[in-house]
Every structure is written in C-alpha cells, then in structure tokens.
Protein backbone atom coordinates (compact mmCIF):
# COMPACT_ATOMS: atom_id res chain seq x y z
CA MET A 1 -6.28 51.07 17.58
CA LYS A 2 -2.62 50.40 16.92
CA ILE A 3 -0.85 51.00 13.62
CA LEU A 4 2.50 49.45 12.81
CA ALA A 5 4.80 51.50 10.56
CA PHE A 6 8.07 50.65 8.84
CA ALA A 7 10.17 51.24 5.76
CA GLY A 8 11.45 48.49 3.50
CA SER A 9 14.97 49.88 3.56
CA ASN A 10 17.98 48.63 5.49
CA SER A 11 19.81 51.98 5.18
CA SER A 12 20.59 53.85 8.41
CA THR A 13 19.83 57.10 6.53
CA SER A 14 16.69 55.86 4.77
CA ILE A 15 14.49 58.61 3.36
CA ASN A 16 11.65 56.08 3.32
CA HIS A 17 12.04 55.74 7.08
CA GLN A 18 12.09 59.53 7.41
CA LEU A 19 8.85 59.64 5.45
CA ILE A 20 7.32 56.99 7.75
CA GLU A 21 8.26 59.05 10.80
CA PHE A 22 6.64 62.13 9.27
CA MET A 23 3.48 60.20 8.40
CA ALA A 24 3.28 58.73 11.89
CA SER A 25 3.49 62.22 13.39
CA LYS A 26 0.36 63.18 11.43
CA MET A 27 -1.76 60.28 12.65
CA THR A 28 -4.36 60.62 15.39
CA SER A 29 -4.12 56.89 16.23
CA GLU A 30 -1.29 55.21 18.12
CA VAL A 31 1.57 54.35 15.74
CA GLU A 32 4.48 52.08 16.56
CA ILE A 33 7.44 52.64 14.25
CA ILE A 34 9.87 49.76 13.85
CA HIS A 35 13.06 49.21 11.89
CA LEU A 36 13.07 45.99 9.91
CA THR A 37 16.84 45.86 10.46
CA ASN A 38 16.11 44.96 14.09
CA TYR A 39 14.80 41.64 12.78
CA GLN A 40 17.95 39.96 11.49
CA LEU A 41 16.97 37.27 9.02
CA PRO A 42 19.28 35.21 6.81
CA ILE A 43 18.74 35.17 3.07
CA TYR A 44 15.81 32.86 2.55
CA SER A 45 16.48 29.42 1.14
CA GLU A 46 14.61 26.14 1.33
CA ASP A 47 17.81 24.47 2.53
CA TYR A 48 18.20 26.91 5.41
CA GLU A 49 14.59 26.46 6.43
CA LYS A 50 14.87 22.67 6.24
CA ASP A 51 18.08 22.62 8.31
CA HIS A 52 17.29 25.36 10.85
CA GLY A 53 13.56 26.02 10.70
CA ILE A 54 11.99 29.46 10.64
CA PRO A 55 14.13 32.03 12.46
CA THR A 56 12.73 33.32 15.75
CA GLU A 57 13.01 36.90 14.46
CA ALA A 58 10.51 36.09 11.68
CA LEU A 59 8.05 34.83 14.30
CA VAL A 60 8.57 37.93 16.44
CA LEU A 61 7.96 40.21 13.43
CA LYS A 62 4.85 38.24 12.47
CA ASN A 63 3.52 38.68 16.02
CA LYS A 64 4.10 42.45 15.75
CA ILE A 65 2.00 42.49 12.60
CA ASP A 66 -0.71 40.36 14.25
CA GLU A 67 -0.98 42.85 17.14
CA CYS A 68 -1.84 45.82 14.90
CA LYS A 69 -5.01 46.79 13.11
CA ALA A 70 -3.31 48.55 10.21
CA LEU A 71 0.09 49.12 8.62
CA MET A 72 1.92 52.04 7.09
CA VAL A 73 4.73 50.82 4.84
CA SER A 74 7.17 52.88 2.80
CA VAL A 75 8.67 50.81 0.02
CA ASN A 76 12.14 51.64 -1.19
CA GLU A 77 13.22 51.02 -4.77
CA HIS A 78 16.42 49.46 -6.10
CA ASN A 79 16.80 49.20 -9.86
CA SER A 80 13.05 49.72 -10.47
CA MET A 81 12.05 46.99 -7.99
CA ILE A 82 11.70 46.47 -4.25
CA SER A 83 14.98 46.00 -2.41
CA ALA A 84 16.39 42.53 -1.81
CA PHE A 85 16.32 43.28 1.92
CA PHE A 86 12.57 44.04 1.93
CA LYS A 87 11.79 41.03 -0.25
CA ASN A 88 13.76 38.77 2.08
CA GLN A 89 11.84 40.00 5.12
CA MET A 90 8.55 39.37 3.31
CA ASP A 91 9.76 35.95 2.11
CA TRP A 92 10.38 34.84 5.70
CA LEU A 93 7.05 36.24 6.89
CA SER A 94 5.28 34.32 4.15
CA ARG A 95 6.94 31.12 5.41
CA VAL A 96 5.49 31.77 8.87
CA ASP A 97 2.04 32.36 7.35
CA ALA A 98 1.23 32.71 3.64
CA LYS A 99 -1.49 35.23 4.56
CA PHE A 100 0.52 37.16 7.15
CA LEU A 101 -1.21 40.40 6.11
CA ASN A 102 -4.70 38.88 6.10
CA ASN A 103 -7.29 41.64 6.56
CA LYS A 104 -4.65 44.22 7.50
CA LYS A 105 -5.49 47.66 6.17
CA VAL A 106 -2.40 49.16 4.58
CA LEU A 107 -1.22 52.61 3.61
CA LEU A 108 1.63 52.21 1.12
CA THR A 109 4.07 54.88 0.17
CA SER A 110 7.46 55.25 -1.43
CA THR A 111 9.98 57.98 -1.98
CA SER A 112 13.31 58.48 -3.67
CA PRO A 113 15.69 61.29 -4.56
CA GLY A 114 14.29 61.20 -8.12
CA GLU A 115 11.11 62.56 -9.60
CA ARG A 116 9.44 59.14 -9.89
CA GLY A 117 9.57 58.66 -6.11
CA GLY A 118 10.04 54.89 -6.16
CA LYS A 119 6.84 54.54 -8.13
CA LEU A 120 7.68 51.24 -9.85
CA ALA A 121 8.38 49.43 -6.58
CA LEU A 122 5.28 50.98 -5.04
CA GLU A 123 3.08 49.86 -7.93
CA PHE A 124 4.48 46.33 -7.77
CA VAL A 125 3.73 46.04 -4.05
CA LYS A 126 0.30 47.67 -4.41
CA ASP A 127 -0.90 45.88 -7.53
CA HIS A 128 0.65 42.44 -7.07
CA TYR A 129 2.78 41.67 -4.06
CA PHE A 130 0.84 42.55 -0.90
CA ALA A 131 -2.47 41.19 -2.24
CA ARG A 132 -1.01 37.69 -2.28
CA PHE A 133 -0.43 37.99 1.48
CA GLY A 134 -4.01 39.13 2.15
CA ALA A 135 -3.51 42.89 2.59
CA GLN A 136 -6.25 45.44 1.98
CA ILE A 137 -4.53 48.42 0.35
CA ILE A 138 -6.45 51.50 1.48
CA GLU A 139 -4.19 54.17 -0.01
CA ALA A 140 -0.91 54.41 -1.87
CA PHE A 141 1.18 57.36 -2.94
CA SER A 142 4.61 58.10 -4.33
CA PHE A 143 6.51 61.06 -2.87
CA PRO A 144 8.86 62.38 -5.59
CA SER A 145 12.25 64.07 -5.14
CA PHE A 146 12.34 63.73 -1.36
CA GLN A 147 15.23 66.12 -0.70
CA ASP A 148 13.66 68.80 -2.92
CA ASN A 149 10.09 68.42 -1.64
CA PHE A 150 10.58 67.77 2.08
CA ASP A 151 11.86 70.32 4.61
CA MET A 152 13.71 68.28 7.25
CA GLU A 153 14.19 71.22 9.60
CA ASN A 154 10.51 72.19 9.71
CA GLN A 155 9.18 68.67 9.11
CA SER A 156 6.92 69.83 6.31
CA ILE A 157 6.18 69.29 2.66
CA LYS A 158 7.42 72.21 0.58
CA ASP A 159 5.28 71.74 -2.51
CA GLU A 160 1.69 72.89 -1.85
CA ILE A 161 0.03 70.50 -4.30
CA LEU A 162 2.02 67.55 -2.98
CA ALA A 163 1.11 68.58 0.58
CA LEU A 164 -2.60 68.66 -0.31
CA GLY A 165 -2.40 65.22 -1.93
CA PHE A 166 -0.54 63.86 1.08
CA GLN A 167 -3.18 65.25 3.45
CA GLU A 168 -5.98 63.72 1.39
CA VAL A 169 -4.32 60.29 1.48
CA MET A 170 -3.70 60.51 5.23
CA THR A 171 -7.27 61.64 5.95
CA ASN A 172 -8.77 58.86 3.84
CA PHE A 173 -6.58 56.23 5.49
CA GLN A 174 -7.56 57.41 8.98
CA GLN A 175 -11.24 57.36 8.04
CA GLN A 176 -10.98 53.84 6.56
CA ILE A 177 -9.34 52.30 9.58
C-alpha cells in the first residue's frame, strides 16, 4: 500500500515539509514524499485554461494521487488561511477532476512557529475544502510551536503530551488504511 505525502508550502525551508518527513519516517507502509514545487503550475484562470488547456504538470500530479491509497498532507497557514500556492495547486487538480481525492484516505496536519500551529488553515481544509474533492479525512492534528516542540537533531517531539497525541493519531491512521 502506497501513501503519498506532501506539504502545502512552497518554501525551501518549510517546517510543514519537515513535519511530513518526520511523519513518513514513523509509518510502516511505503510513503512517497513529494514537493509540490516540482509541479510548476501557473496561477489558475479561466482564460489561461481556455487558451492553453490544463498544464501537463497538473495531470502528472493527479496521476501521482491516483496511484496511492492514502495521503498525508501538512497544510501551511498564511494570514489564517491556506497559502495561495497550495490553493492554486488544488485549483488545477480540481480542473483535471472535480473529485481528484475521491475515496482517498487522508491524514491532515499543520504546523507553524506559533502556538496555534496553523490550526485555522487545518480546520478549513478538514471541515470544508477537502470534502468537496471527495477525501475521507481519517485524522487531523495541529502541531504547535514547531521550533519549540520538535528536536531537529534527534528527530523527536520534545513535549511528552504532544508526542503521545501524535502517536495516537499516527496509529489510528495506519489502522484505518
């Protein structure tokens, strides 16, 4: 069973991507980690689509999603919402297929330097956004204050309660898929 994992960020130093890498290392199933920045897509517009069609990179990304059984996605937050980059990637995927996440089991997460951990963007994706594309959200969690709560050197969660919650989410996701 293959799991596809990515962060919604286009930052080369994304803490959401670092979180995805950590999560993938804890999985017992095969996980393929991708960078959405490898799928260069123009800003979506009806005019662009009418003049040029759907970009090949959107089709390639959609095929990657089709090949997996489940997804792990870490949503980054800009100004209390998902980033424009992430939204644009999802906009193009929805033009390929409005239900591009149909029946995909998803583990959603988010993190940020702050104590809310990207919670507003996470809740938007969990409660509203991904459902419209057919996703089955299995688990979701917000990882607060990434730099304070994650030990990069030892690849571990510093806070014991947060570590226990993380383990519970990961275990439940693995059992559900």
